[in-house]
Amino acid sequence: MTHKTGPWLTGIAILVVLGGAGAMYWMNLDKIEEGFAEGNGRIEATEIDVATKWGGRVAEILVDEGDYLEAGVVVARMDMQAEMAQVAEAKANKAKAESALETAKAQVYQRQAEVATAKADLARQQSQLNVTSKSDQRIQTLIKSGVISQQDADNSQGDLQTAYAAYQAAQAQIKAAQAAVEAAKSQVAQAEANINAAQAVVDRLEQTLDDAVLRAPKPGRVQYRVVEPGEVVGAGGKVVSLVDLTDVYMTFFLPETEAGRTAMGGEVRVILDAAPQYVIPANISFVASVAQFTPKAVETRDERQKLMFRIKARIKPDLLRRYAKYVKTGLPGMAYVRIDQDKAWPDRLAVNLPQETK
């Protein structure tokens, strides 16, 4: 027994064929060209926490969430009134030590002058001793011939002893003056040490004051104000969180067969869902050595192709600086990787960036 196909059934068959052809058309339209691979991901960036080195009260925060900051811009200041008073005290101690140094130096000059005076006196006493000694020698010769009396001889001996004692006293005076010079020099050294110690305290406190001024370490955008003015934070407490706009990348995943052909530094094109008209160039900066999704048992070729490896495509810092105001993290998009270096980028993946504005 045979059945004839009615016109309505033929129409359904035509629709099915046309529908399948349309689906195949749209699938082929979105299909990546041979020699390229694609993966979806999100734009990410390194986060930097601007934190205080010392605990204390936050005096002011000078930025708001969303602000773009250049490196070195002041983000916040800590309340350092007590430390400022300590700096003033340390500087006063340094000035006092400097005054003591000048006094000690004056003492050295004075003691050196006393040494010079003592040496001059020694020379005078040496000369007097020589004269007295020669005079006594003549008197002792004359007394034998009876020209002078014994009394004169005794007086001459007394003068000689007195001159010799004066000479010895002058020598002792020089030694005392030289010892005084050394003592004065030690006071100079002590004063200099006190100055250095005072300066070290000043430097330490001024460094503490400088550390209380929190600056952006790199160009970035303020993500969060973690605390507000007046709050007390401990040492290492976070004050502001920044997104580092010099380290922006997209993380995506590729299967084992494509990841294995991906080279470090290889070219990537990124298209964001929010701005599909732009094509952003990037380069492979990381390829995972371990699969992220691994079946329990990898025994067949099909199963091995299910292994997915994490890839990171980094946007060049000079490009980021040019378009810093456009950079936003968290945006989803697609990353296209050229795994066959002999293939040219298709026109739809040619680099296309926003118009730069002054």
Protein backbone atom coordinates (compact mmCIF):
# COMPACT_ATOMS: atom_id res chain seq x y z
CA MET A 1 0.00 0.00 0.00
CA THR A 2 1.43 3.37 -1.00
CA HIS A 3 0.80 6.85 0.37
CA LYS A 4 1.04 10.09 -1.58
CA THR A 5 2.77 13.04 -0.02
CA GLY A 6 0.45 16.00 0.24
CA PRO A 7 1.44 19.58 -0.58
CA TRP A 8 1.45 20.59 3.11
CA LEU A 9 4.07 17.97 3.93
CA THR A 10 6.22 19.14 1.06
CA GLY A 11 6.02 22.72 2.41
CA ILE A 12 7.18 21.59 5.84
CA ALA A 13 10.13 19.81 4.31
CA ILE A 14 11.12 22.95 2.40
CA LEU A 15 10.93 25.04 5.59
CA VAL A 16 13.08 22.53 7.44
CA VAL A 17 15.69 22.63 4.69
CA LEU A 18 15.66 26.43 4.53
CA GLY A 19 15.81 26.68 8.29
CA GLY A 20 18.80 24.37 8.46
CA ALA A 21 20.51 26.30 5.71
CA GLY A 22 19.88 29.59 7.57
CA ALA A 23 21.31 28.17 10.79
CA MET A 24 24.38 26.95 8.95
CA TYR A 25 24.77 30.41 7.36
CA TRP A 26 24.79 32.22 10.72
CA MET A 27 27.08 29.61 12.26
CA ASN A 28 29.57 30.01 9.43
CA LEU A 29 29.32 33.81 9.65
CA ASP A 30 30.49 33.76 13.28
CA LYS A 31 33.02 30.98 12.79
CA ILE A 32 36.68 31.94 13.37
CA GLU A 33 38.99 31.69 10.39
CA GLU A 34 41.36 28.75 10.04
CA GLY A 35 44.70 29.38 11.74
CA PHE A 36 43.12 31.41 14.55
CA ALA A 37 41.64 30.55 17.92
CA GLU A 38 39.19 32.40 20.11
CA GLY A 39 38.17 32.47 23.74
CA ASN A 40 35.97 34.68 25.86
CA GLY A 41 37.13 36.48 28.97
CA ARG A 42 37.09 39.72 30.92
CA ILE A 43 39.40 42.70 31.09
CA GLU A 44 41.34 42.58 34.37
CA ALA A 45 44.05 44.68 35.97
CA THR A 46 46.42 44.41 38.89
CA GLU A 47 44.99 45.95 42.04
CA ILE A 48 47.20 48.10 44.26
CA ASP A 49 46.34 48.88 47.86
CA VAL A 50 47.67 52.23 49.07
CA ALA A 51 48.30 51.55 52.75
CA THR A 52 49.78 53.47 55.65
CA LYS A 53 53.17 52.41 56.94
CA TRP A 54 52.42 53.58 60.48
CA GLY A 55 49.20 53.33 62.43
CA GLY A 56 47.25 56.49 63.15
CA ARG A 57 44.28 58.68 62.31
CA VAL A 58 43.47 59.53 58.71
CA ALA A 59 43.51 63.33 58.36
CA GLU A 60 42.21 63.65 54.80
CA ILE A 61 41.57 61.67 51.63
CA LEU A 62 42.09 63.70 48.48
CA VAL A 63 40.60 61.37 45.83
CA ASP A 64 37.21 59.92 44.99
CA GLU A 65 36.23 56.59 43.54
CA GLY A 66 36.66 56.58 39.77
CA ASP A 67 39.37 59.27 39.72
CA TYR A 68 42.28 58.68 37.35
CA LEU A 69 45.64 59.34 39.03
CA GLU A 70 49.13 59.80 37.70
CA ALA A 71 52.01 58.20 39.60
CA GLY A 72 53.08 60.27 42.60
CA VAL A 73 49.76 62.06 43.11
CA VAL A 74 48.92 62.52 46.80
CA VAL A 75 46.06 60.22 47.72
CA ALA A 76 45.69 60.82 51.47
CA ARG A 77 47.43 62.26 54.53
CA MET A 78 47.68 60.91 58.04
CA ASP A 79 47.35 63.03 61.18
CA MET A 80 50.95 63.57 62.37
CA GLN A 81 50.69 66.48 64.84
CA ALA A 82 52.61 64.62 67.55
CA GLU A 83 55.37 63.66 65.14
CA MET A 84 55.65 67.26 63.91
CA ALA A 85 56.23 68.40 67.50
CA GLN A 86 58.89 65.71 67.87
CA VAL A 87 60.62 66.98 64.73
CA ALA A 88 60.72 70.50 66.20
CA GLU A 89 62.18 69.11 69.43
CA ALA A 90 64.78 67.07 67.53
CA LYS A 91 65.83 70.11 65.51
CA ALA A 92 66.20 72.11 68.75
CA ASN A 93 68.42 69.36 70.16
CA LYS A 94 70.50 69.46 67.03
CA ALA A 95 70.91 73.23 67.32
CA LYS A 96 71.97 72.78 70.94
CA ALA A 97 74.55 70.17 69.90
CA GLU A 98 75.85 72.50 67.18
CA SER A 99 76.28 75.27 69.77
CA ALA A 100 78.15 72.85 72.04
CA LEU A 101 80.39 71.99 69.09
CA GLU A 102 81.34 75.63 68.56
CA THR A 103 82.09 75.98 72.28
CA ALA A 104 84.24 72.85 72.20
CA LYS A 105 86.14 74.12 69.17
CA ALA A 106 86.79 77.41 70.98
CA GLN A 107 88.10 75.43 73.92
CA VAL A 108 90.49 73.60 71.59
CA TYR A 109 91.82 76.90 70.22
CA GLN A 110 92.24 78.25 73.75
CA ARG A 111 94.06 75.14 74.96
CA GLN A 112 96.31 75.18 71.90
CA ALA A 113 97.18 78.79 72.71
CA GLU A 114 98.04 77.72 76.24
CA VAL A 115 100.36 75.05 74.81
CA ALA A 116 102.10 77.70 72.71
CA THR A 117 102.47 79.96 75.79
CA ALA A 118 103.83 77.06 77.84
CA LYS A 119 106.36 76.27 75.12
CA ALA A 120 107.47 79.88 75.05
CA ASP A 121 107.86 79.85 78.83
CA LEU A 122 109.84 76.62 78.59
CA ALA A 123 112.20 78.23 76.11
CA ARG A 124 112.63 81.19 78.46
CA GLN A 125 113.25 78.90 81.41
CA GLN A 126 115.70 76.89 79.32
CA SER A 127 117.61 80.05 78.50
CA GLN A 128 117.58 81.16 82.14
CA LEU A 129 118.81 77.74 83.22
CA ASN A 130 121.66 77.89 80.74
CA VAL A 131 122.74 81.34 81.97
CA THR A 132 122.48 80.30 85.62
CA SER A 133 124.43 77.11 84.97
CA LYS A 134 127.29 78.92 83.24
CA SER A 135 127.39 81.55 86.00
CA ASP A 136 127.54 78.85 88.63
CA GLN A 137 130.38 77.13 86.81
CA ARG A 138 132.45 80.35 86.89
CA ILE A 139 131.65 80.96 90.57
CA GLN A 140 132.66 77.43 91.51
CA THR A 141 136.00 78.02 89.73
CA LEU A 142 136.57 81.34 91.44
CA ILE A 143 135.78 80.04 94.92
CA LYS A 144 138.76 77.70 94.70
CA SER A 145 141.06 80.62 94.18
CA GLY A 146 139.47 82.48 97.09
CA VAL A 147 138.24 85.38 94.94
CA ILE A 148 134.64 85.04 96.16
CA SER A 149 133.13 83.88 99.39
CA GLN A 150 131.43 80.59 100.14
CA GLN A 151 128.21 82.51 100.60
CA ASP A 152 128.32 83.65 97.02
CA ALA A 153 128.94 80.10 95.90
CA ASP A 154 125.98 78.85 97.93
CA ASN A 155 123.76 81.59 96.46
CA SER A 156 124.82 80.58 92.97
CA GLN A 157 123.92 76.97 93.69
CA GLY A 158 120.53 78.10 94.95
CA ASP A 159 119.90 80.16 91.80
CA LEU A 160 120.83 77.18 89.65
CA GLN A 161 118.42 74.88 91.49
CA THR A 162 115.68 77.52 91.23
CA ALA A 163 116.23 77.86 87.48
CA TYR A 164 116.17 74.11 87.03
CA ALA A 165 112.92 73.83 89.03
CA ALA A 166 111.37 76.57 86.89
CA TYR A 167 112.48 74.69 83.76
CA GLN A 168 110.84 71.47 85.00
CA ALA A 169 107.67 73.38 85.90
CA ALA A 170 107.56 74.78 82.35
CA GLN A 171 107.85 71.24 80.95
CA ALA A 172 105.01 70.06 83.17
CA GLN A 173 102.92 73.05 82.07
CA ILE A 174 103.33 72.03 78.45
CA LYS A 175 102.17 68.49 79.20
CA ALA A 176 99.16 69.81 81.09
CA ALA A 177 98.28 72.19 78.26
CA GLN A 178 98.60 69.39 75.69
CA ALA A 179 96.34 67.16 77.82
CA ALA A 180 93.83 70.02 77.95
CA VAL A 181 93.94 70.21 74.14
CA GLU A 182 93.16 66.49 73.85
CA ALA A 183 90.31 66.84 76.34
CA ALA A 184 88.90 69.74 74.32
CA LYS A 185 89.19 67.70 71.12
CA SER A 186 87.29 64.85 72.74
CA GLN A 187 84.55 67.36 73.59
CA VAL A 188 84.49 68.36 69.92
CA ALA A 189 84.12 64.70 68.91
CA GLN A 190 81.36 64.24 71.46
CA ALA A 191 79.57 67.34 70.20
CA GLU A 192 79.84 66.11 66.61
CA ALA A 193 78.45 62.73 67.66
CA ASN A 194 75.56 64.50 69.39
CA ILE A 195 74.89 66.44 66.19
CA ASN A 196 74.87 63.26 64.12
CA ALA A 197 72.55 61.58 66.60
CA ALA A 198 70.21 64.58 66.57
CA GLN A 199 70.27 64.67 62.76
CA ALA A 200 69.45 60.95 62.65
CA VAL A 201 66.41 61.60 64.84
CA VAL A 202 65.37 64.49 62.60
CA ASP A 203 65.79 62.33 59.47
CA ARG A 204 63.81 59.47 61.01
CA LEU A 205 60.95 61.72 62.07
CA GLU A 206 60.90 63.56 58.74
CA GLN A 207 60.77 60.20 56.97
CA THR A 208 57.84 59.30 59.19
CA LEU A 209 56.14 62.54 58.15
CA ASP A 210 56.87 61.77 54.50
CA ASP A 211 55.46 58.26 54.92
CA ALA A 212 52.29 59.87 56.28
CA VAL A 213 51.68 61.41 52.85
CA LEU A 214 50.25 58.53 50.80
CA ARG A 215 50.91 58.69 47.06
CA ALA A 216 49.82 56.65 44.05
CA PRO A 217 52.76 54.34 43.22
CA LYS A 218 51.64 53.95 39.59
CA PRO A 219 49.11 55.47 37.20
CA GLY A 220 45.72 54.06 38.08
CA ARG A 221 42.07 54.58 38.78
CA VAL A 222 40.62 54.75 42.28
CA GLN A 223 38.49 51.67 42.85
CA TYR A 224 37.55 52.06 46.52
CA ARG A 225 37.99 54.51 49.37
CA VAL A 226 38.51 51.89 52.05
CA VAL A 227 38.35 54.34 54.99
CA GLU A 228 37.19 57.90 55.53
CA PRO A 229 38.86 60.90 57.22
CA GLY A 230 38.88 60.63 61.00
CA GLU A 231 39.10 56.84 61.08
CA VAL A 232 42.00 55.19 62.88
CA VAL A 233 43.92 52.50 61.03
CA GLY A 234 46.72 50.20 62.15
CA ALA A 235 50.13 49.87 60.58
CA GLY A 236 49.68 48.55 57.06
CA GLY A 237 46.01 49.52 57.04
CA LYS A 238 44.49 50.01 53.59
CA VAL A 239 43.27 53.51 52.79
CA VAL A 240 42.59 53.52 49.04
CA SER A 241 42.46 50.72 46.47
CA LEU A 242 43.70 51.47 42.94
CA VAL A 243 43.55 49.62 39.64
CA ASP A 244 46.98 49.62 38.00
CA LEU A 245 46.38 50.92 34.49
CA THR A 246 49.87 49.91 33.37
CA ASP A 247 49.07 46.21 33.80
CA VAL A 248 45.78 45.43 32.05
CA TYR A 249 45.07 42.05 30.51
CA MET A 250 42.36 39.62 29.47
CA THR A 251 42.26 36.09 30.81
CA PHE A 252 40.64 33.45 28.62
CA PHE A 253 40.81 29.70 27.99
CA LEU A 254 41.76 27.58 24.99
CA PRO A 255 41.60 23.83 24.44
CA GLU A 256 44.76 21.78 24.55
CA THR A 257 45.18 21.54 20.76
CA GLU A 258 45.10 25.32 20.37
CA ALA A 259 46.90 26.25 23.59
CA GLY A 260 49.78 24.00 22.56
CA ARG A 261 50.29 26.18 19.47
CA THR A 262 50.17 29.44 21.38
CA ALA A 263 53.55 31.12 21.88
CA MET A 264 54.62 33.63 24.49
CA GLY A 265 54.47 37.09 22.96
CA GLY A 266 52.10 35.94 20.23
CA GLU A 267 49.66 38.45 18.80
CA VAL A 268 46.12 38.71 20.11
CA ARG A 269 43.14 40.85 19.12
CA VAL A 270 40.61 41.79 21.80
CA ILE A 271 37.04 42.90 21.08
CA LEU A 272 34.91 44.03 24.00
CA ASP A 273 31.16 43.47 24.10
CA ALA A 274 30.66 47.08 25.16
CA ALA A 275 32.59 48.44 22.15
CA PRO A 276 32.51 45.85 19.33
CA GLN A 277 33.59 48.46 16.78
CA TYR A 278 37.11 48.58 18.26
CA VAL A 279 39.82 45.95 17.88
CA ILE A 280 42.52 46.18 20.55
CA PRO A 281 45.98 44.65 20.05
CA ALA A 282 47.56 42.59 22.83
CA ASN A 283 50.24 39.96 23.33
CA ILE A 284 50.34 36.59 25.07
CA SER A 285 52.06 37.07 28.45
CA PHE A 286 51.12 33.80 30.16
CA VAL A 287 50.18 30.26 29.16
CA ALA A 288 49.25 27.86 31.94
CA SER A 289 51.36 24.72 32.13
CA VAL A 290 48.56 22.79 33.83
CA ALA A 291 45.04 22.34 32.44
CA GLN A 292 42.29 24.14 34.31
CA PHE A 293 39.49 21.69 33.42
CA THR A 294 40.63 18.10 33.57
CA PRO A 295 38.31 15.07 33.22
CA LYS A 296 38.64 12.35 35.82
CA ALA A 297 40.26 10.01 33.29
CA VAL A 298 41.89 11.14 30.06
CA GLU A 299 41.92 8.08 27.86
CA THR A 300 40.67 9.09 24.41
CA ARG A 301 41.58 11.81 21.90
CA ASP A 302 38.18 13.46 22.35
CA GLU A 303 38.63 13.61 26.09
CA ARG A 304 42.10 15.13 25.76
CA GLN A 305 40.67 17.90 23.60
CA LYS A 306 38.44 18.89 26.50
CA LEU A 307 41.46 20.06 28.49
CA MET A 308 41.35 23.84 28.79
CA PHE A 309 44.40 26.00 29.51
CA ARG A 310 44.35 29.51 30.94
CA ILE A 311 45.87 32.18 28.69
CA LYS A 312 46.64 35.78 29.57
CA ALA A 313 46.84 38.50 26.89
CA ARG A 314 48.45 41.72 28.11
CA ILE A 315 47.83 45.12 26.54
CA LYS A 316 51.01 47.15 26.03
CA PRO A 317 51.62 49.85 28.68
CA ASP A 318 52.28 52.62 26.12
CA LEU A 319 48.90 51.92 24.53
CA LEU A 320 47.26 51.96 27.95
CA ARG A 321 48.79 55.35 28.71
CA ARG A 322 47.39 56.77 25.48
CA TYR A 323 43.90 55.50 26.20
CA ALA A 324 43.92 55.57 29.99
CA LYS A 325 40.52 57.26 30.25
CA TYR A 326 38.91 54.45 28.22
CA VAL A 327 40.28 51.61 30.34
CA LYS A 328 37.68 49.89 32.50
CA THR A 329 38.10 46.54 34.17
CA GLY A 330 35.50 43.79 34.31
CA LEU A 331 34.31 44.28 30.73
CA PRO A 332 33.62 40.97 28.95
CA GLY A 333 34.74 40.28 25.42
CA MET A 334 36.50 37.95 23.02
CA ALA A 335 40.18 37.29 22.50
CA TYR A 336 41.37 36.09 19.10
CA VAL A 337 44.78 34.39 18.86
CA ARG A 338 46.81 33.80 15.71
CA ILE A 339 48.16 30.28 16.09
CA ASP A 340 49.35 30.00 12.48
CA GLN A 341 51.95 32.72 11.98
CA ASP A 342 51.73 32.39 8.20
CA LYS A 343 48.14 33.59 8.25
CA ALA A 344 47.33 37.28 7.87
CA TRP A 345 44.81 38.85 10.21
CA PRO A 346 41.39 39.07 8.56
CA ASP A 347 40.01 42.54 7.89
CA ARG A 348 37.45 42.27 10.66
CA LEU A 349 40.29 41.77 13.19
CA ALA A 350 42.47 44.63 11.95
CA VAL A 351 43.51 46.96 14.76
CA ASN A 352 40.94 49.72 15.21
CA LEU A 353 41.30 52.08 18.19
CA PRO A 354 39.24 55.07 19.37
CA GLN A 355 40.09 58.51 18.03
CA GLU A 356 42.55 60.15 20.41
CA THR A 357 41.41 63.46 21.85
CA LYS A 358 43.61 66.21 23.23
